[in-house]
Amino acid sequence: MTRIYFVRHAQPIHSWQEDSTRPLTKEGITDSKKVVETLANIKLDYCVSSPYKRSLDTIKECAKSHGLEIHTDYRYRERECGNKNTREMIIKRWLDFDFHEEGGESLNMVQNRNMEGVTELLLEHENENILFGTHGTALSTILNYYDSTYNFDSFWRIIDFMPYIVCLEFDGTECLGKKEMLIIKKDFKD
């Protein structure tokens, strides 16, 4: 059985303009220690992450404690937001997976690039435990891929979970189940 421990990043500084370099808040840095504690007794074999700073910073101590190098993959980055990321726009995207605003990505685009990477990961690391640094929207499109009932309400439920760990178990590329392991509730906007 293969297990992927998806770790949504801890609380970032939302006012930071550049998405790829957005750092964690002081609380986010402190909360990242809970990721280490939660996964301390699990043998992790491989580590992959979005190349974005907040994802890397959330899992780096956990990877280090397991003696793992973090492999980054640009496909796992967060959705390109374009110029609007309001609740209404988020609802519109979840109702139409192909909708995207100017300069932004649709959920379908995000899901396709993430699932291409996840499928490769499952084939190359069968029967391993994988630490995976990710983002809220990117993770939600992955969860939706394996469970079509995962929708806007599901996404909105986790929007304030930072960090958030959910483990998916696989036989080959078939998802067998999901288990939430860590939820730290923080305001999505500071």
Foldseek 3Di string as FASTA:
>chain_A
DEKEKEKAFAAWQVVDDDFQATAHDPVRLVCLVVVLVLCVPPQADAEEEANRHRLCSSCVVNCVSNVYDYHYDPLQADWQQPDDDDLVVLQVLQVPQCDHDVRTGGLVSSLVSLVVVVLVVLQVQPPGYYYYRHHLSSVLSVVCVLPVVSTSVNSVVQLQFHTWIKMWDDDRPHTDDIDTRDGDGHDNHD
